[in-house]
Amino acid sequence: PALTRRIGSVFQDPEHQFVTGTVFD
């Protein structure tokens, strides 16, 4: 949680960071 609040990361492969079933979630 602390890392998420301080540093946001966007990976080269977008799908590597998707973990839910909808765009909203």
mmCIF file of all heavy atoms, coordinates in Angstrom:
data_MODEL
# 
_entry.id   MODEL 
# 
loop_
_atom_site.group_PDB 
_atom_site.id 
_atom_site.type_symbol 
_atom_site.label_atom_id 
_atom_site.label_alt_id 
_atom_site.label_comp_id 
_atom_site.label_asym_id 
_atom_site.label_entity_id 
_atom_site.label_seq_id 
_atom_site.pdbx_PDB_ins_code 
_atom_site.Cartn_x 
_atom_site.Cartn_y 
_atom_site.Cartn_z 
_atom_site.occupancy 
_atom_site.B_iso_or_equiv 
_atom_site.pdbx_formal_charge 
_atom_site.auth_seq_id 
_atom_site.auth_comp_id 
_atom_site.auth_asym_id 
_atom_site.auth_atom_id 
_atom_site.pdbx_PDB_model_num 
ATOM 1   N N   . PRO A 1 1  ? 0.819   -1.229  0.000   1.00 0.00 ? 1  PRO A N   1 
ATOM 2   C CA  . PRO A 1 1  ? 0.000   0.000   0.000   1.00 0.00 ? 1  PRO A CA  1 
ATOM 3   C C   . PRO A 1 1  ? 0.848   1.273   0.000   1.00 0.00 ? 1  PRO A C   1 
ATOM 4   O O   . PRO A 1 1  ? 0.507   2.249   -0.676  1.00 0.00 ? 1  PRO A O   1 
ATOM 5   C CB  . PRO A 1 1  ? -0.821  -0.127  1.288   1.00 0.00 ? 1  PRO A CB  1 
ATOM 6   C CG  . PRO A 1 1  ? -0.871  -1.594  1.567   1.00 0.00 ? 1  PRO A CG  1 
ATOM 7   C CD  . PRO A 1 1  ? 0.463   -2.114  1.136   1.00 0.00 ? 1  PRO A CD  1 
ATOM 8   N N   . ALA A 1 2  ? 1.960   1.262   0.742   1.00 0.00 ? 2  ALA A N   1 
ATOM 9   C CA  . ALA A 1 2  ? 2.830   2.439   0.781   1.00 0.00 ? 2  ALA A CA  1 
ATOM 10  C C   . ALA A 1 2  ? 3.490   2.673   -0.569  1.00 0.00 ? 2  ALA A C   1 
ATOM 11  O O   . ALA A 1 2  ? 3.576   3.814   -1.050  1.00 0.00 ? 2  ALA A O   1 
ATOM 12  C CB  . ALA A 1 2  ? 3.880   2.269   1.878   1.00 0.00 ? 2  ALA A CB  1 
ATOM 13  N N   . LEU A 1 3  ? 3.945   1.607   -1.200  1.00 0.00 ? 3  LEU A N   1 
ATOM 14  C CA  . LEU A 1 3  ? 4.571   1.734   -2.515  1.00 0.00 ? 3  LEU A CA  1 
ATOM 15  C C   . LEU A 1 3  ? 3.575   2.272   -3.537  1.00 0.00 ? 3  LEU A C   1 
ATOM 16  O O   . LEU A 1 3  ? 3.894   3.160   -4.342  1.00 0.00 ? 3  LEU A O   1 
ATOM 17  C CB  . LEU A 1 3  ? 5.110   0.380   -2.969  1.00 0.00 ? 3  LEU A CB  1 
ATOM 18  C CG  . LEU A 1 3  ? 5.831   0.346   -4.326  1.00 0.00 ? 3  LEU A CG  1 
ATOM 19  C CD1 . LEU A 1 3  ? 7.091   1.205   -4.283  1.00 0.00 ? 3  LEU A CD1 1 
ATOM 20  C CD2 . LEU A 1 3  ? 6.186   -1.090  -4.719  1.00 0.00 ? 3  LEU A CD2 1 
ATOM 21  N N   . THR A 1 4  ? 2.328   1.772   -3.487  1.00 0.00 ? 4  THR A N   1 
ATOM 22  C CA  . THR A 1 4  ? 1.303   2.191   -4.435  1.00 0.00 ? 4  THR A CA  1 
ATOM 23  C C   . THR A 1 4  ? 0.979   3.666   -4.300  1.00 0.00 ? 4  THR A C   1 
ATOM 24  O O   . THR A 1 4  ? 0.734   4.363   -5.298  1.00 0.00 ? 4  THR A O   1 
ATOM 25  C CB  . THR A 1 4  ? 0.024   1.351   -4.234  1.00 0.00 ? 4  THR A CB  1 
ATOM 26  O OG1 . THR A 1 4  ? 0.333   -0.033  -4.415  1.00 0.00 ? 4  THR A OG1 1 
ATOM 27  C CG2 . THR A 1 4  ? -1.063  1.745   -5.212  1.00 0.00 ? 4  THR A CG2 1 
ATOM 28  N N   . ARG A 1 5  ? 0.959   4.177   -3.076  1.00 0.00 ? 5  ARG A N   1 
ATOM 29  C CA  . ARG A 1 5  ? 0.664   5.594   -2.868  1.00 0.00 ? 5  ARG A CA  1 
ATOM 30  C C   . ARG A 1 5  ? 1.794   6.490   -3.345  1.00 0.00 ? 5  ARG A C   1 
ATOM 31  O O   . ARG A 1 5  ? 1.563   7.619   -3.778  1.00 0.00 ? 5  ARG A O   1 
ATOM 32  C CB  . ARG A 1 5  ? 0.406   5.866   -1.382  1.00 0.00 ? 5  ARG A CB  1 
ATOM 33  C CG  . ARG A 1 5  ? -0.930  5.377   -0.861  1.00 0.00 ? 5  ARG A CG  1 
ATOM 34  C CD  . ARG A 1 5  ? -1.226  5.956   0.508   1.00 0.00 ? 5  ARG A CD  1 
ATOM 35  N NE  . ARG A 1 5  ? -0.192  5.607   1.488   1.00 0.00 ? 5  ARG A NE  1 
ATOM 36  C CZ  . ARG A 1 5  ? -0.226  4.523   2.262   1.00 0.00 ? 5  ARG A CZ  1 
ATOM 37  N NH1 . ARG A 1 5  ? -1.248  3.689   2.145   1.00 0.00 ? 5  ARG A NH1 1 
ATOM 38  N NH2 . ARG A 1 5  ? 0.728   4.282   3.128   1.00 0.00 ? 5  ARG A NH2 1 
ATOM 39  N N   . ARG A 1 6  ? 3.033   5.996   -3.266  1.00 0.00 ? 6  ARG A N   1 
ATOM 40  C CA  . ARG A 1 6  ? 4.186   6.850   -3.543  1.00 0.00 ? 6  ARG A CA  1 
ATOM 41  C C   . ARG A 1 6  ? 4.686   6.748   -4.977  1.00 0.00 ? 6  ARG A C   1 
ATOM 42  O O   . ARG A 1 6  ? 5.092   7.740   -5.583  1.00 0.00 ? 6  ARG A O   1 
ATOM 43  C CB  . ARG A 1 6  ? 5.324   6.484   -2.584  1.00 0.00 ? 6  ARG A CB  1 
ATOM 44  C CG  . ARG A 1 6  ? 4.991   6.772   -1.138  1.00 0.00 ? 6  ARG A CG  1 
ATOM 45  C CD  . ARG A 1 6  ? 5.947   6.071   -0.198  1.00 0.00 ? 6  ARG A CD  1 
ATOM 46  N NE  . ARG A 1 6  ? 5.575   6.305   1.200   1.00 0.00 ? 6  ARG A NE  1 
ATOM 47  C CZ  . ARG A 1 6  ? 5.998   5.559   2.219   1.00 0.00 ? 6  ARG A CZ  1 
ATOM 48  N NH1 . ARG A 1 6  ? 6.818   4.530   1.983   1.00 0.00 ? 6  ARG A NH1 1 
ATOM 49  N NH2 . ARG A 1 6  ? 5.623   5.847   3.441   1.00 0.00 ? 6  ARG A NH2 1 
ATOM 50  N N   . ILE A 1 7  ? 4.720   5.533   -5.526  1.00 0.00 ? 7  ILE A N   1 
ATOM 51  C CA  . ILE A 1 7  ? 5.282   5.315   -6.865  1.00 0.00 ? 7  ILE A CA  1 
ATOM 52  C C   . ILE A 1 7  ? 4.295   4.491   -7.695  1.00 0.00 ? 7  ILE A C   1 
ATOM 53  O O   . ILE A 1 7  ? 3.895   3.388   -7.289  1.00 0.00 ? 7  ILE A O   1 
ATOM 54  C CB  . ILE A 1 7  ? 6.633   4.571   -6.803  1.00 0.00 ? 7  ILE A CB  1 
ATOM 55  C CG1 . ILE A 1 7  ? 7.621   5.308   -5.893  1.00 0.00 ? 7  ILE A CG1 1 
ATOM 56  C CG2 . ILE A 1 7  ? 7.213   4.429   -8.204  1.00 0.00 ? 7  ILE A CG2 1 
ATOM 57  C CD1 . ILE A 1 7  ? 8.949   4.586   -5.726  1.00 0.00 ? 7  ILE A CD1 1 
ATOM 58  N N   . GLY A 1 8  ? 3.913   5.021   -8.834  1.00 0.00 ? 8  GLY A N   1 
ATOM 59  C CA  . GLY A 1 8  ? 3.096   4.268   -9.779  1.00 0.00 ? 8  GLY A CA  1 
ATOM 60  C C   . GLY A 1 8  ? 3.962   3.786   -10.923 1.00 0.00 ? 8  GLY A C   1 
ATOM 61  O O   . GLY A 1 8  ? 4.812   4.527   -11.418 1.00 0.00 ? 8  GLY A O   1 
ATOM 62  N N   . SER A 1 9  ? 3.772   2.541   -11.351 1.00 0.00 ? 9  SER A N   1 
ATOM 63  C CA  . SER A 1 9  ? 4.569   1.956   -12.431 1.00 0.00 ? 9  SER A CA  1 
ATOM 64  C C   . SER A 1 9  ? 3.674   1.491   -13.564 1.00 0.00 ? 9  SER A C   1 
ATOM 65  O O   . SER A 1 9  ? 2.630   0.877   -13.337 1.00 0.00 ? 9  SER A O   1 
ATOM 66  C CB  . SER A 1 9  ? 5.396   0.772   -11.915 1.00 0.00 ? 9  SER A CB  1 
ATOM 67  O OG  . SER A 1 9  ? 6.432   1.205   -11.053 1.00 0.00 ? 9  SER A OG  1 
ATOM 68  N N   . VAL A 1 10 ? 4.108   1.794   -14.785 1.00 0.00 ? 10 VAL A N   1 
ATOM 69  C CA  . VAL A 1 10 ? 3.433   1.340   -16.000 1.00 0.00 ? 10 VAL A CA  1 
ATOM 70  C C   . VAL A 1 10 ? 4.410   0.441   -16.739 1.00 0.00 ? 10 VAL A C   1 
ATOM 71  O O   . VAL A 1 10 ? 5.465   0.888   -17.179 1.00 0.00 ? 10 VAL A O   1 
ATOM 72  C CB  . VAL A 1 10 ? 3.024   2.526   -16.894 1.00 0.00 ? 10 VAL A CB  1 
ATOM 73  C CG1 . VAL A 1 10 ? 2.361   2.023   -18.172 1.00 0.00 ? 10 VAL A CG1 1 
ATOM 74  C CG2 . VAL A 1 10 ? 2.090   3.464   -16.136 1.00 0.00 ? 10 VAL A CG2 1 
ATOM 75  N N   . PHE A 1 11 ? 4.069   -0.855  -16.863 1.00 0.00 ? 11 PHE A N   1 
ATOM 76  C CA  . PHE A 1 11 ? 4.983   -1.829  -17.461 1.00 0.00 ? 11 PHE A CA  1 
ATOM 77  C C   . PHE A 1 11 ? 5.000   -1.722  -18.977 1.00 0.00 ? 11 PHE A C   1 
ATOM 78  O O   . PHE A 1 11 ? 4.067   -1.197  -19.602 1.00 0.00 ? 11 PHE A O   1 
ATOM 79  C CB  . PHE A 1 11 ? 4.588   -3.253  -17.075 1.00 0.00 ? 11 PHE A CB  1 
ATOM 80  C CG  . PHE A 1 11 ? 4.579   -3.508  -15.588 1.00 0.00 ? 11 PHE A CG  1 
ATOM 81  C CD1 . PHE A 1 11 ? 3.756   -4.482  -15.056 1.00 0.00 ? 11 PHE A CD1 1 
ATOM 82  C CD2 . PHE A 1 11 ? 5.380   -2.771  -14.727 1.00 0.00 ? 11 PHE A CD2 1 
ATOM 83  C CE1 . PHE A 1 11 ? 3.735   -4.725  -13.696 1.00 0.00 ? 11 PHE A CE1 1 
ATOM 84  C CE2 . PHE A 1 11 ? 5.373   -3.002  -13.373 1.00 0.00 ? 11 PHE A CE2 1 
ATOM 85  C CZ  . PHE A 1 11 ? 4.543   -3.982  -12.845 1.00 0.00 ? 11 PHE A CZ  1 
ATOM 86  N N   . GLN A 1 12 ? 6.063   -2.273  -19.582 1.00 0.00 ? 12 GLN A N   1 
ATOM 87  C CA  . GLN A 1 12 ? 6.147   -2.287  -21.048 1.00 0.00 ? 12 GLN A CA  1 
ATOM 88  C C   . GLN A 1 12 ? 5.013   -3.096  -21.660 1.00 0.00 ? 12 GLN A C   1 
ATOM 89  O O   . GLN A 1 12 ? 4.456   -2.722  -22.686 1.00 0.00 ? 12 GLN A O   1 
ATOM 90  C CB  . GLN A 1 12 ? 7.498   -2.852  -21.484 1.00 0.00 ? 12 GLN A CB  1 
ATOM 91  C CG  . GLN A 1 12 ? 7.755   -2.698  -22.970 1.00 0.00 ? 12 GLN A CG  1 
ATOM 92  C CD  . GLN A 1 12 ? 9.137   -3.165  -23.362 1.00 0.00 ? 12 GLN A CD  1 
ATOM 93  O OE1 . GLN A 1 12 ? 9.390   -4.357  -23.494 1.00 0.00 ? 12 GLN A OE1 1 
ATOM 94  N NE2 . GLN A 1 12 ? 10.052  -2.224  -23.545 1.00 0.00 ? 12 GLN A NE2 1 
ATOM 95  N N   . ASP A 1 13 ? 4.645   -4.197  -21.029 1.00 0.00 ? 13 ASP A N   1 
ATOM 96  C CA  . ASP A 1 13 ? 3.524   -5.013  -21.481 1.00 0.00 ? 13 ASP A CA  1 
ATOM 97  C C   . ASP A 1 13 ? 2.334   -4.712  -20.576 1.00 0.00 ? 13 ASP A C   1 
ATOM 98  O O   . ASP A 1 13 ? 2.315   -5.111  -19.416 1.00 0.00 ? 13 ASP A O   1 
ATOM 99  C CB  . ASP A 1 13 ? 3.868   -6.498  -21.423 1.00 0.00 ? 13 ASP A CB  1 
ATOM 100 C CG  . ASP A 1 13 ? 2.757   -7.373  -21.960 1.00 0.00 ? 13 ASP A CG  1 
ATOM 101 O OD1 . ASP A 1 13 ? 1.627   -6.876  -22.119 1.00 0.00 ? 13 ASP A OD1 1 
ATOM 102 O OD2 . ASP A 1 13 ? 2.999   -8.561  -22.214 1.00 0.00 ? 13 ASP A OD2 1 
ATOM 103 N N   . PRO A 1 14 ? 1.319   -3.984  -21.070 1.00 0.00 ? 14 PRO A N   1 
ATOM 104 C CA  . PRO A 1 14 ? 0.195   -3.597  -20.206 1.00 0.00 ? 14 PRO A CA  1 
ATOM 105 C C   . PRO A 1 14 ? -0.473  -4.768  -19.506 1.00 0.00 ? 14 PRO A C   1 
ATOM 106 O O   . PRO A 1 14 ? -0.858  -4.658  -18.338 1.00 0.00 ? 14 PRO A O   1 
ATOM 107 C CB  . PRO A 1 14 ? -0.773  -2.908  -21.181 1.00 0.00 ? 14 PRO A CB  1 
ATOM 108 C CG  . PRO A 1 14 ? 0.074   -2.459  -22.310 1.00 0.00 ? 14 PRO A CG  1 
ATOM 109 C CD  . PRO A 1 14 ? 1.163   -3.494  -22.444 1.00 0.00 ? 14 PRO A CD  1 
ATOM 110 N N   . GLU A 1 15 ? -0.631  -5.888  -20.210 1.00 0.00 ? 15 GLU A N   1 
ATOM 111 C CA  . GLU A 1 15 ? -1.385  -6.997  -19.639 1.00 0.00 ? 15 GLU A CA  1 
ATOM 112 C C   . GLU A 1 15 ? -0.705  -7.621  -18.420 1.00 0.00 ? 15 GLU A C   1 
ATOM 113 O O   . GLU A 1 15 ? -1.334  -8.350  -17.666 1.00 0.00 ? 15 GLU A O   1 
ATOM 114 C CB  . GLU A 1 15 ? -1.644  -8.061  -20.708 1.00 0.00 ? 15 GLU A CB  1 
ATOM 115 C CG  . GLU A 1 15 ? -2.588  -7.563  -21.806 1.00 0.00 ? 15 GLU A CG  1 
ATOM 116 C CD  . GLU A 1 15 ? -2.964  -8.649  -22.789 1.00 0.00 ? 15 GLU A CD  1 
ATOM 117 O OE1 . GLU A 1 15 ? -2.378  -9.751  -22.706 1.00 0.00 ? 15 GLU A OE1 1 
ATOM 118 O OE2 . GLU A 1 15 ? -3.833  -8.414  -23.633 1.00 0.00 ? 15 GLU A OE2 1 
ATOM 119 N N   . HIS A 1 16 ? 0.574   -7.331  -18.230 1.00 0.00 ? 16 HIS A N   1 
ATOM 120 C CA  . HIS A 1 16 ? 1.266   -7.875  -17.062 1.00 0.00 ? 16 HIS A CA  1 
ATOM 121 C C   . HIS A 1 16 ? 0.779   -7.250  -15.757 1.00 0.00 ? 16 HIS A C   1 
ATOM 122 O O   . HIS A 1 16 ? 1.071   -7.775  -14.682 1.00 0.00 ? 16 HIS A O   1 
ATOM 123 C CB  . HIS A 1 16 ? 2.773   -7.656  -17.198 1.00 0.00 ? 16 HIS A CB  1 
ATOM 124 C CG  . HIS A 1 16 ? 3.415   -8.580  -18.180 1.00 0.00 ? 16 HIS A CG  1 
ATOM 125 N ND1 . HIS A 1 16 ? 4.750   -8.526  -18.504 1.00 0.00 ? 16 HIS A ND1 1 
ATOM 126 C CD2 . HIS A 1 16 ? 2.905   -9.591  -18.938 1.00 0.00 ? 16 HIS A CD2 1 
ATOM 127 C CE1 . HIS A 1 16 ? 5.031   -9.461  -19.402 1.00 0.00 ? 16 HIS A CE1 1 
ATOM 128 N NE2 . HIS A 1 16 ? 3.924   -10.100 -19.684 1.00 0.00 ? 16 HIS A NE2 1 
ATOM 129 N N   . GLN A 1 17 ? 0.035   -6.146  -15.821 1.00 0.00 ? 17 GLN A N   1 
ATOM 130 C CA  . GLN A 1 17 ? -0.416  -5.523  -14.585 1.00 0.00 ? 17 GLN A CA  1 
ATOM 131 C C   . GLN A 1 17 ? -1.926  -5.581  -14.397 1.00 0.00 ? 17 GLN A C   1 
ATOM 132 O O   . GLN A 1 17 ? -2.454  -4.996  -13.458 1.00 0.00 ? 17 GLN A O   1 
ATOM 133 C CB  . GLN A 1 17 ? 0.073   -4.071  -14.498 1.00 0.00 ? 17 GLN A CB  1 
ATOM 134 C CG  . GLN A 1 17 ? -0.414  -3.134  -15.561 1.00 0.00 ? 17 GLN A CG  1 
ATOM 135 C CD  . GLN A 1 17 ? 0.396   -1.842  -15.563 1.00 0.00 ? 17 GLN A CD  1 
ATOM 136 O OE1 . GLN A 1 17 ? 1.388   -1.725  -16.264 1.00 0.00 ? 17 GLN A OE1 1 
ATOM 137 N NE2 . GLN A 1 17 ? -0.011  -0.863  -14.766 1.00 0.00 ? 17 GLN A NE2 1 
ATOM 138 N N   . PHE A 1 18 ? -2.643  -6.305  -15.265 1.00 0.00 ? 18 PHE A N   1 
ATOM 139 C CA  . PHE A 1 18 ? -4.086  -6.432  -15.117 1.00 0.00 ? 18 PHE A CA  1 
ATOM 140 C C   . PHE A 1 18 ? -4.431  -7.650  -14.270 1.00 0.00 ? 18 PHE A C   1 
ATOM 141 O O   . PHE A 1 18 ? -3.946  -8.759  -14.536 1.00 0.00 ? 18 PHE A O   1 
ATOM 142 C CB  . PHE A 1 18 ? -4.766  -6.556  -16.488 1.00 0.00 ? 18 PHE A CB  1 
ATOM 143 C CG  . PHE A 1 18 ? -4.570  -5.355  -17.376 1.00 0.00 ? 18 PHE A CG  1 
ATOM 144 C CD1 . PHE A 1 18 ? -4.674  -5.467  -18.752 1.00 0.00 ? 18 PHE A CD1 1 
ATOM 145 C CD2 . PHE A 1 18 ? -4.294  -4.110  -16.841 1.00 0.00 ? 18 PHE A CD2 1 
ATOM 146 C CE1 . PHE A 1 18 ? -4.492  -4.370  -19.567 1.00 0.00 ? 18 PHE A CE1 1 
ATOM 147 C CE2 . PHE A 1 18 ? -4.101  -2.998  -17.649 1.00 0.00 ? 18 PHE A CE2 1 
ATOM 148 C CZ  . PHE A 1 18 ? -4.204  -3.127  -19.024 1.00 0.00 ? 18 PHE A CZ  1 
ATOM 149 N N   . VAL A 1 19 ? -5.293  -7.466  -13.271 1.00 0.00 ? 19 VAL A N   1 
ATOM 150 C CA  . VAL A 1 19 ? -5.599  -8.572  -12.351 1.00 0.00 ? 19 VAL A CA  1 
ATOM 151 C C   . VAL A 1 19 ? -7.090  -8.724  -12.076 1.00 0.00 ? 19 VAL A C   1 
ATOM 152 O O   . VAL A 1 19 ? -7.488  -9.636  -11.353 1.00 0.00 ? 19 VAL A O   1 
ATOM 153 C CB  . VAL A 1 19 ? -4.860  -8.390  -10.999 1.00 0.00 ? 19 VAL A CB  1 
ATOM 154 C CG1 . VAL A 1 19 ? -3.358  -8.474  -11.187 1.00 0.00 ? 19 VAL A CG1 1 
ATOM 155 C CG2 . VAL A 1 19 ? -5.242  -7.073  -10.324 1.00 0.00 ? 19 VAL A CG2 1 
ATOM 156 N N   . THR A 1 20 ? -7.945  -7.852  -12.627 1.00 0.00 ? 20 THR A N   1 
ATOM 157 C CA  . THR A 1 20 ? -9.377  -7.947  -12.368 1.00 0.00 ? 20 THR A CA  1 
ATOM 158 C C   . THR A 1 20 ? -10.122 -8.249  -13.666 1.00 0.00 ? 20 THR A C   1 
ATOM 159 O O   . THR A 1 20 ? -9.526  -8.355  -14.733 1.00 0.00 ? 20 THR A O   1 
ATOM 160 C CB  . THR A 1 20 ? -9.916  -6.644  -11.757 1.00 0.00 ? 20 THR A CB  1 
ATOM 161 O OG1 . THR A 1 20 ? -9.910  -5.616  -12.761 1.00 0.00 ? 20 THR A OG1 1 
ATOM 162 C CG2 . THR A 1 20 ? -9.076  -6.194  -10.564 1.00 0.00 ? 20 THR A CG2 1 
ATOM 163 N N   . GLY A 1 21 ? -11.468 -8.343  -13.557 1.00 0.00 ? 21 GLY A N   1 
ATOM 164 C CA  . GLY A 1 21 ? -12.267 -8.755  -14.700 1.00 0.00 ? 21 GLY A CA  1 
ATOM 165 C C   . GLY A 1 21 ? -12.876 -7.635  -15.503 1.00 0.00 ? 21 GLY A C   1 
ATOM 166 O O   . GLY A 1 21 ? -13.440 -7.874  -16.576 1.00 0.00 ? 21 GLY A O   1 
ATOM 167 N N   . THR A 1 22 ? -12.809 -6.373  -15.007 1.00 0.00 ? 22 THR A N   1 
ATOM 168 C CA  . THR A 1 22 ? -13.368 -5.254  -15.757 1.00 0.00 ? 22 THR A CA  1 
ATOM 169 C C   . THR A 1 22 ? -12.420 -4.068  -15.700 1.00 0.00 ? 22 THR A C   1 
ATOM 170 O O   . THR A 1 22 ? -11.598 -3.939  -14.785 1.00 0.00 ? 22 THR A O   1 
ATOM 171 C CB  . THR A 1 22 ? -14.735 -4.802  -15.206 1.00 0.00 ? 22 THR A CB  1 
ATOM 172 O OG1 . THR A 1 22 ? -14.556 -4.161  -13.944 1.00 0.00 ? 22 THR A OG1 1 
ATOM 173 C CG2 . THR A 1 22 ? -15.705 -5.969  -15.069 1.00 0.00 ? 22 THR A CG2 1 
ATOM 174 N N   . VAL A 1 23 ? -12.582 -3.181  -16.673 1.00 0.00 ? 23 VAL A N   1 
ATOM 175 C CA  . VAL A 1 23 ? -11.769 -1.966  -16.711 1.00 0.00 ? 23 VAL A CA  1 
ATOM 176 C C   . VAL A 1 23 ? -12.023 -1.111  -15.473 1.00 0.00 ? 23 VAL A C   1 
ATOM 177 O O   . VAL A 1 23 ? -11.093 -0.576  -14.863 1.00 0.00 ? 23 VAL A O   1 
ATOM 178 C CB  . VAL A 1 23 ? -12.071 -1.167  -17.999 1.00 0.00 ? 23 VAL A CB  1 
ATOM 179 C CG1 . VAL A 1 23 ? -11.482 0.235   -17.931 1.00 0.00 ? 23 VAL A CG1 1 
ATOM 180 C CG2 . VAL A 1 23 ? -11.538 -1.920  -19.220 1.00 0.00 ? 23 VAL A CG2 1 
ATOM 181 N N   . PHE A 1 24 ? -13.299 -0.990  -15.067 1.00 0.00 ? 24 PHE A N   1 
ATOM 182 C CA  . PHE A 1 24 ? -13.618 -0.189  -13.884 1.00 0.00 ? 24 PHE A CA  1 
ATOM 183 C C   . PHE A 1 24 ? -12.923 -0.741  -12.650 1.00 0.00 ? 24 PHE A C   1 
ATOM 184 O O   . PHE A 1 24 ? -12.300 0.006   -11.879 1.00 0.00 ? 24 PHE A O   1 
ATOM 185 C CB  . PHE A 1 24 ? -15.133 -0.156  -13.662 1.00 0.00 ? 24 PHE A CB  1 
ATOM 186 C CG  . PHE A 1 24 ? -15.550 0.763   -12.543 1.00 0.00 ? 24 PHE A CG  1 
ATOM 187 C CD1 . PHE A 1 24 ? -15.957 2.058   -12.815 1.00 0.00 ? 24 PHE A CD1 1 
ATOM 188 C CD2 . PHE A 1 24 ? -15.523 0.344   -11.224 1.00 0.00 ? 24 PHE A CD2 1 
ATOM 189 C CE1 . PHE A 1 24 ? -16.322 2.915   -11.787 1.00 0.00 ? 24 PHE A CE1 1 
ATOM 190 C CE2 . PHE A 1 24 ? -15.879 1.190   -10.183 1.00 0.00 ? 24 PHE A CE2 1 
ATOM 191 C CZ  . PHE A 1 24 ? -16.287 2.481   -10.467 1.00 0.00 ? 24 PHE A CZ  1 
ATOM 192 N N   . ASP A 1 25 ? -13.023 -2.053  -12.425 1.00 0.00 ? 25 ASP A N   1 
ATOM 193 C CA  . ASP A 1 25 ? -12.411 -2.642  -11.234 1.00 0.00 ? 25 ASP A CA  1 
ATOM 194 C C   . ASP A 1 25 ? -10.891 -2.538  -11.272 1.00 0.00 ? 25 ASP A C   1 
ATOM 195 O O   . ASP A 1 25 ? -10.247 -2.423  -10.222 1.00 0.00 ? 25 ASP A O   1 
ATOM 196 C CB  . ASP A 1 25 ? -12.821 -4.109  -11.101 1.00 0.00 ? 25 ASP A CB  1 
ATOM 197 C CG  . ASP A 1 25 ? -14.271 -4.260  -10.659 1.00 0.00 ? 25 ASP A CG  1 
ATOM 198 O OD1 . ASP A 1 25 ? -14.820 -3.289  -10.115 1.00 0.00 ? 25 ASP A OD1 1 
ATOM 199 O OD2 . ASP A 1 25 ? -14.845 -5.348  -10.877 1.00 0.00 ? 25 ASP A OD2 1 
# 
